[in-house]
């Protein structure tokens, strides 16, 4: 029991409940955002890999001529 007489509830428990809820939401939001970033990078790398594969096939075809 807090002994101050200003009439406010100064129990810090509710602060920590909201603090950890906010922290958890921030971690989850970051994880969702990061997974989208990774998917975009994977897609870009797959496109680059396909282009590189075509280029190498052309180089092999040209070298056999």
PDB file of N, CA and C in Angstrom:
ATOM      1  N   UNK A   1       0.844  -1.201   0.000  1.00  0.00           N
ATOM      2  CA  UNK A   1       0.000   0.000   0.000  1.00  0.00           C
ATOM      3  C   UNK A   1       0.869   1.237   0.000  1.00  0.00           C
ATOM      4  N   UNK A   2       0.650   2.071  -0.968  1.00  0.00           N
ATOM      5  CA  UNK A   2       1.426   3.309  -1.046  1.00  0.00           C
ATOM      6  C   UNK A   2       0.798   4.340  -0.117  1.00  0.00           C
ATOM      7  N   UNK A   3       1.643   5.075   0.578  1.00  0.00           N
ATOM      8  CA  UNK A   3       1.141   5.973   1.626  1.00  0.00           C
ATOM      9  C   UNK A   3       1.018   7.425   1.175  1.00  0.00           C
ATOM     10  N   UNK A   4       1.182   7.726  -0.117  1.00  0.00           N
ATOM     11  CA  UNK A   4       1.001   9.128  -0.508  1.00  0.00           C
ATOM     12  C   UNK A   4      -0.478   9.468  -0.506  1.00  0.00           C
ATOM     13  N   UNK A   5      -0.804  10.746  -0.333  1.00  0.00           N
ATOM     14  CA  UNK A   5      -2.193  11.152  -0.105  1.00  0.00           C
ATOM     15  C   UNK A   5      -2.739  11.992  -1.267  1.00  0.00           C
ATOM     16  N   UNK A   6      -2.206  11.803  -2.463  1.00  0.00           N
ATOM     17  CA  UNK A   6      -2.684  12.625  -3.569  1.00  0.00           C
ATOM     18  C   UNK A   6      -3.880  11.999  -4.280  1.00  0.00           C
ATOM     19  N   UNK A   7      -4.325  10.848  -3.855  1.00  0.00           N
ATOM     20  CA  UNK A   7      -5.507  10.245  -4.432  1.00  0.00           C
ATOM     21  C   UNK A   7      -5.258   9.474  -5.715  1.00  0.00           C
ATOM     22  N   UNK A   8      -4.025   9.427  -6.185  1.00  0.00           N
ATOM     23  CA  UNK A   8      -3.732   8.696  -7.416  1.00  0.00           C
ATOM     24  C   UNK A   8      -3.233   7.297  -7.085  1.00  0.00           C
ATOM     25  N   UNK A   9      -3.527   6.379  -7.986  1.00  0.00           N
ATOM     26  CA  UNK A   9      -3.017   5.024  -7.819  1.00  0.00           C
ATOM     27  C   UNK A   9      -1.577   5.016  -8.329  1.00  0.00           C
ATOM     28  N   UNK A  10      -0.649   4.830  -7.438  1.00  0.00           N
ATOM     29  CA  UNK A  10       0.759   4.861  -7.832  1.00  0.00           C
ATOM     30  C   UNK A  10       1.359   3.457  -7.893  1.00  0.00           C
ATOM     31  N   UNK A  11       0.522   2.441  -7.939  1.00  0.00           N
ATOM     32  CA  UNK A  11       1.011   1.071  -8.055  1.00  0.00           C
ATOM     33  C   UNK A  11       1.683   0.897  -9.415  1.00  0.00           C
ATOM     34  N   UNK A  12       2.945   0.532  -9.449  1.00  0.00           N
ATOM     35  CA  UNK A  12       3.654   0.451 -10.738  1.00  0.00           C
ATOM     36  C   UNK A  12       3.298  -0.785 -11.561  1.00  0.00           C
ATOM     37  N   UNK A  13       2.507  -1.695 -11.027  1.00  0.00           N
ATOM     38  CA  UNK A  13       2.226  -2.954 -11.738  1.00  0.00           C
ATOM     39  C   UNK A  13       1.585  -2.697 -13.091  1.00  0.00           C
ATOM     40  N   UNK A  14       0.617  -1.782 -13.147  1.00  0.00           N
ATOM     41  CA  UNK A  14      -0.078  -1.541 -14.417  1.00  0.00           C
ATOM     42  C   UNK A  14       0.888  -0.971 -15.446  1.00  0.00           C
ATOM     43  N   UNK A  15       1.849  -0.175 -14.971  1.00  0.00           N
ATOM     44  CA  UNK A  15       2.870   0.351 -15.882  1.00  0.00           C
ATOM     45  C   UNK A  15       3.653  -0.794 -16.519  1.00  0.00           C
ATOM     46  N   UNK A  16       4.081  -1.751 -15.706  1.00  0.00           N
ATOM     47  CA  UNK A  16       4.886  -2.847 -16.239  1.00  0.00           C
ATOM     48  C   UNK A  16       4.063  -3.756 -17.134  1.00  0.00           C
ATOM     49  N   UNK A  17       2.778  -3.928 -16.824  1.00  0.00           N
ATOM     50  CA  UNK A  17       1.916  -4.725 -17.705  1.00  0.00           C
ATOM     51  C   UNK A  17       1.864  -4.085 -19.084  1.00  0.00           C
ATOM     52  N   UNK A  18       1.600  -2.774 -19.127  1.00  0.00           N
ATOM     53  CA  UNK A  18       1.545  -2.100 -20.424  1.00  0.00           C
ATOM     54  C   UNK A  18       2.915  -2.058 -21.084  1.00  0.00           C
ATOM     55  N   UNK A  19       3.966  -1.895 -20.284  1.00  0.00           N
ATOM     56  CA  UNK A  19       5.325  -1.869 -20.832  1.00  0.00           C
ATOM     57  C   UNK A  19       5.636  -3.176 -21.563  1.00  0.00           C
ATOM     58  N   UNK A  20       5.343  -4.312 -20.928  1.00  0.00           N
ATOM     59  CA  UNK A  20       5.663  -5.601 -21.545  1.00  0.00           C
ATOM     60  C   UNK A  20       4.737  -5.903 -22.709  1.00  0.00           C
ATOM     61  N   UNK A  21       3.469  -5.460 -22.628  1.00  0.00           N
ATOM     62  CA  UNK A  21       2.586  -5.632 -23.783  1.00  0.00           C
ATOM     63  C   UNK A  21       3.107  -4.838 -24.977  1.00  0.00           C
ATOM     64  N   UNK A  22       3.531  -3.610 -24.719  1.00  0.00           N
ATOM     65  CA  UNK A  22       4.089  -2.782 -25.793  1.00  0.00           C
ATOM     66  C   UNK A  22       5.362  -3.409 -26.354  1.00  0.00           C
ATOM     67  N   UNK A  23       6.238  -3.891 -25.463  1.00  0.00           N
ATOM     68  CA  UNK A  23       7.484  -4.515 -25.903  1.00  0.00           C
ATOM     69  C   UNK A  23       7.206  -5.759 -26.745  1.00  0.00           C
ATOM     70  N   UNK A  24       6.257  -6.574 -26.295  1.00  0.00           N
ATOM     71  CA  UNK A  24       5.901  -7.777 -27.042  1.00  0.00           C
ATOM     72  C   UNK A  24       5.334  -7.413 -28.413  1.00  0.00           C
ATOM     73  N   UNK A  25       4.476  -6.400 -28.447  1.00  0.00           N
ATOM     74  CA  UNK A  25       3.910  -5.962 -29.726  1.00  0.00           C
ATOM     75  C   UNK A  25       5.013  -5.441 -30.649  1.00  0.00           C
ATOM     76  N   UNK A  26       5.983  -4.746 -30.090  1.00  0.00           N
ATOM     77  CA  UNK A  26       7.081  -4.236 -30.908  1.00  0.00           C
ATOM     78  C   UNK A  26       7.905  -5.390 -31.486  1.00  0.00           C
ATOM     79  N   UNK A  27       8.189  -6.398 -30.670  1.00  0.00           N
ATOM     80  CA  UNK A  27       8.939  -7.558 -31.173  1.00  0.00           C
ATOM     81  C   UNK A  27       8.164  -8.275 -32.281  1.00  0.00           C
ATOM     82  N   UNK A  28       6.869  -8.462 -32.069  1.00  0.00           N
ATOM     83  CA  UNK A  28       6.062  -9.161 -33.072  1.00  0.00           C
ATOM     84  C   UNK A  28       5.992  -8.337 -34.360  1.00  0.00           C
ATOM     85  N   UNK A  29       5.803  -7.024 -34.224  1.00  0.00           N
ATOM     86  CA  UNK A  29       5.770  -6.161 -35.398  1.00  0.00           C
ATOM     87  C   UNK A  29       7.082  -6.186 -36.161  1.00  0.00           C
ATOM     88  N   UNK A  30       8.188  -6.170 -35.424  1.00  0.00           N
ATOM     89  CA  UNK A  30       9.495  -6.229 -36.077  1.00  0.00           C
ATOM     90  C   UNK A  30       9.679  -7.566 -36.793  1.00  0.00           C
ATOM     91  N   UNK A  31       9.248  -8.644 -36.159  1.00  0.00           N
ATOM     92  CA  UNK A  31       9.395  -9.970 -36.776  1.00  0.00           C
ATOM     93  C   UNK A  31       8.584 -10.067 -38.067  1.00  0.00           C
ATOM     94  N   UNK A  32       7.373  -9.522 -38.061  1.00  0.00           N
ATOM     95  CA  UNK A  32       6.545  -9.548 -39.275  1.00  0.00           C
ATOM     96  C   UNK A  32       7.197  -8.712 -40.373  1.00  0.00           C
ATOM     97  N   UNK A  33       7.659  -7.523 -40.004  1.00  0.00           N
ATOM     98  CA  UNK A  33       8.309  -6.644 -40.987  1.00  0.00           C
ATOM     99  C   UNK A  33       9.572  -7.316 -41.535  1.00  0.00           C
ATOM    100  N   UNK A  34      10.379  -7.909 -40.649  1.00  0.00           N
ATOM    101  CA  UNK A  34      11.632  -8.526 -41.076  1.00  0.00           C
ATOM    102  C   UNK A  34      11.370  -9.708 -42.001  1.00  0.00           C
ATOM    103  N   UNK A  35      10.314 -10.484 -41.736  1.00  0.00           N
ATOM    104  CA  UNK A  35      10.005 -11.617 -42.617  1.00  0.00           C
ATOM    105  C   UNK A  35       9.620 -11.113 -44.010  1.00  0.00           C
ATOM    106  N   UNK A  36       8.937  -9.966 -44.080  1.00  0.00           N
ATOM    107  CA  UNK A  36       8.606  -9.396 -45.390  1.00  0.00           C
ATOM    108  C   UNK A  36       9.865  -8.934 -46.109  1.00  0.00           C
ATOM    109  N   UNK A  37      10.806  -8.361 -45.368  1.00  0.00           N
ATOM    110  CA  UNK A  37      12.071  -7.932 -45.965  1.00  0.00           C
ATOM    111  C   UNK A  37      12.821  -9.143 -46.520  1.00  0.00           C
ATOM    112  N   UNK A  38      12.895 -10.213 -45.742  1.00  0.00           N
ATOM    113  CA  UNK A  38      13.611 -11.419 -46.174  1.00  0.00           C
ATOM    114  C   UNK A  38      12.957 -12.010 -47.424  1.00  0.00           C
ATOM    115  N   UNK A  39      11.614 -12.036 -47.455  1.00  0.00           N
ATOM    116  CA  UNK A  39      10.929 -12.568 -48.640  1.00  0.00           C
ATOM    117  C   UNK A  39      11.235 -11.724 -49.873  1.00  0.00           C
ATOM    118  N   UNK A  40      11.261 -10.404 -49.701  1.00  0.00           N
ATOM    119  CA  UNK A  40      11.557  -9.528 -50.841  1.00  0.00           C
ATOM    120  C   UNK A  40      12.984  -9.748 -51.327  1.00  0.00           C
ATOM    121  N   UNK A  41      13.914  -9.908 -50.400  1.00  0.00           N
ATOM    122  CA  UNK A  41      15.310 -10.144 -50.785  1.00  0.00           C
ATOM    123  C   UNK A  41      15.443 -11.489 -51.486  1.00  0.00           C
ATOM    124  N   UNK A  42      14.766 -12.514 -50.969  1.00  0.00           N
ATOM    125  CA  UNK A  42      14.809 -13.831 -51.612  1.00  0.00           C
ATOM    126  C   UNK A  42      14.260 -13.773 -53.029  1.00  0.00           C
ATOM    127  N   UNK A  43      13.173 -13.031 -53.224  1.00  0.00           N
ATOM    128  CA  UNK A  43      12.582 -12.908 -54.557  1.00  0.00           C
ATOM    129  C   UNK A  43      13.557 -12.213 -55.500  1.00  0.00           C
ATOM    130  N   UNK A  44      14.192 -11.142 -55.027  1.00  0.00           N
ATOM    131  CA  UNK A  44      15.151 -10.411 -55.858  1.00  0.00           C
ATOM    132  C   UNK A  44      16.347 -11.306 -56.205  1.00  0.00           C
ATOM    133  N   UNK A  45      16.829 -12.069 -55.226  1.00  0.00           N
ATOM    134  CA  UNK A  45      17.958 -12.955 -55.487  1.00  0.00           C
ATOM    135  C   UNK A  45      17.589 -14.050 -56.472  1.00  0.00           C
ATOM    136  N   UNK A  46      16.351 -14.543 -56.406  1.00  0.00           N
ATOM    137  CA  UNK A  46      15.911 -15.573 -57.352  1.00  0.00           C
ATOM    138  C   UNK A  46      15.885 -14.999 -58.773  1.00  0.00           C
ATOM    139  N   UNK A  47      15.417 -13.753 -58.905  1.00  0.00           N
ATOM    140  CA  UNK A  47      15.414 -13.120 -60.226  1.00  0.00           C
ATOM    141  C   UNK A  47      16.843 -12.956 -60.750  1.00  0.00           C
ATOM    142  N   UNK A  48      17.728 -12.525 -59.884  1.00  0.00           N
ATOM    143  CA  UNK A  48      19.135 -12.371 -60.297  1.00  0.00           C
ATOM    144  C   UNK A  48      19.745 -13.709 -60.682  1.00  0.00           C
ATOM    145  N   UNK A  49      19.404 -14.761 -59.933  1.00  0.00           N
ATOM    146  CA  UNK A  49      19.940 -16.082 -60.229  1.00  0.00           C
ATOM    147  C   UNK A  49      19.470 -16.561 -61.597  1.00  0.00           C
ATOM    148  N   UNK A  50      18.198 -16.330 -61.923  1.00  0.00           N
ATOM    149  CA  UNK A  50      17.683 -16.739 -63.234  1.00  0.00           C
ATOM    150  C   UNK A  50      18.398 -15.986 -64.358  1.00  0.00           C
ATOM    151  N   UNK A  51      18.595 -14.679 -64.155  1.00  0.00           N
ATOM    152  CA  UNK A  51      19.307 -13.900 -65.178  1.00  0.00           C
ATOM    153  C   UNK A  51      20.737 -14.397 -65.350  1.00  0.00           C
ATOM    154  N   UNK A  52      21.388 -14.698 -64.228  1.00  0.00           N
ATOM    155  CA  UNK A  52      22.765 -15.185 -64.287  1.00  0.00           C
ATOM    156  C   UNK A  52      22.835 -16.546 -64.982  1.00  0.00           C
ATOM    157  N   UNK A  53      21.841 -17.390 -64.721  1.00  0.00           N
ATOM    158  CA  UNK A  53      21.806 -18.700 -65.360  1.00  0.00           C
ATOM    159  C   UNK A  53      21.665 -18.558 -66.878  1.00  0.00           C
ATOM    160  N   UNK A  54      20.776 -17.663 -67.317  1.00  0.00           N
ATOM    161  CA  UNK A  54      20.611 -17.421 -68.760  1.00  0.00           C
ATOM    162  C   UNK A  54      21.909 -16.900 -69.371  1.00  0.00           C
ATOM    163  N   UNK A  55      22.551 -15.972 -68.666  1.00  0.00           N
ATOM    164  CA  UNK A  55      23.805 -15.400 -69.167  1.00  0.00           C
ATOM    165  C   UNK A  55      24.871 -16.484 -69.317  1.00  0.00           C
ATOM    166  N   UNK A  56      24.973 -17.359 -68.307  1.00  0.00           N
ATOM    167  CA  UNK A  56      25.970 -18.430 -68.376  1.00  0.00           C
ATOM    168  C   UNK A  56      25.666 -19.397 -69.515  1.00  0.00           C
ATOM    169  N   UNK A  57      24.393 -19.699 -69.718  1.00  0.00           N
ATOM    170  CA  UNK A  57      24.033 -20.601 -70.822  1.00  0.00           C
ATOM    171  C   UNK A  57      24.400 -19.966 -72.162  1.00  0.00           C
ATOM    172  N   UNK A  58      24.170 -18.655 -72.279  1.00  0.00           N
ATOM    173  CA  UNK A  58      24.561 -17.972 -73.520  1.00  0.00           C
ATOM    174  C   UNK A  58      26.073 -18.010 -73.696  1.00  0.00           C
ATOM    175  N   UNK A  59      26.816 -17.813 -72.607  1.00  0.00           N
ATOM    176  CA  UNK A  59      28.279 -17.831 -72.708  1.00  0.00           C
ATOM    177  C   UNK A  59      28.775 -19.222 -73.128  1.00  0.00           C
ATOM    178  N   UNK A  60      28.173 -20.252 -72.568  1.00  0.00           N
ATOM    179  CA  UNK A  60      28.555 -21.623 -72.940  1.00  0.00           C
ATOM    180  C   UNK A  60      28.224 -21.871 -74.416  1.00  0.00           C
ATOM    181  N   UNK A  61      27.042 -21.434 -74.849  1.00  0.00           N
ATOM    182  CA  UNK A  61      26.637 -21.630 -76.246  1.00  0.00           C
ATOM    183  C   UNK A  61      27.586 -20.867 -77.186  1.00  0.00           C
ATOM    184  N   UNK A  62      27.977 -19.669 -76.803  1.00  0.00           N
ATOM    185  CA  UNK A  62      28.892 -18.885 -77.644  1.00  0.00           C
ATOM    186  C   UNK A  62      30.289 -19.472 -77.684  1.00  0.00           C
ATOM    187  N   UNK A  63      30.711 -20.069 -76.572  1.00  0.00           N
ATOM    188  CA  UNK A  63      32.064 -20.628 -76.550  1.00  0.00           C
ATOM    189  C   UNK A  63      32.160 -21.898 -77.384  1.00  0.00           C
ATOM    190  N   UNK A  64      31.045 -22.600 -77.577  1.00  0.00           N
ATOM    191  CA  UNK A  64      31.070 -23.842 -78.370  1.00  0.00           C
ATOM    192  C   UNK A  64      31.057 -23.577 -79.853  1.00  0.00           C
ATOM    193  N   UNK A  65      30.742 -22.347 -80.245  1.00  0.00           N
ATOM    194  CA  UNK A  65      30.673 -22.035 -81.689  1.00  0.00           C
ATOM    195  C   UNK A  65      32.045 -22.033 -82.318  1.00  0.00           C
TER     196      UNK A  65
END
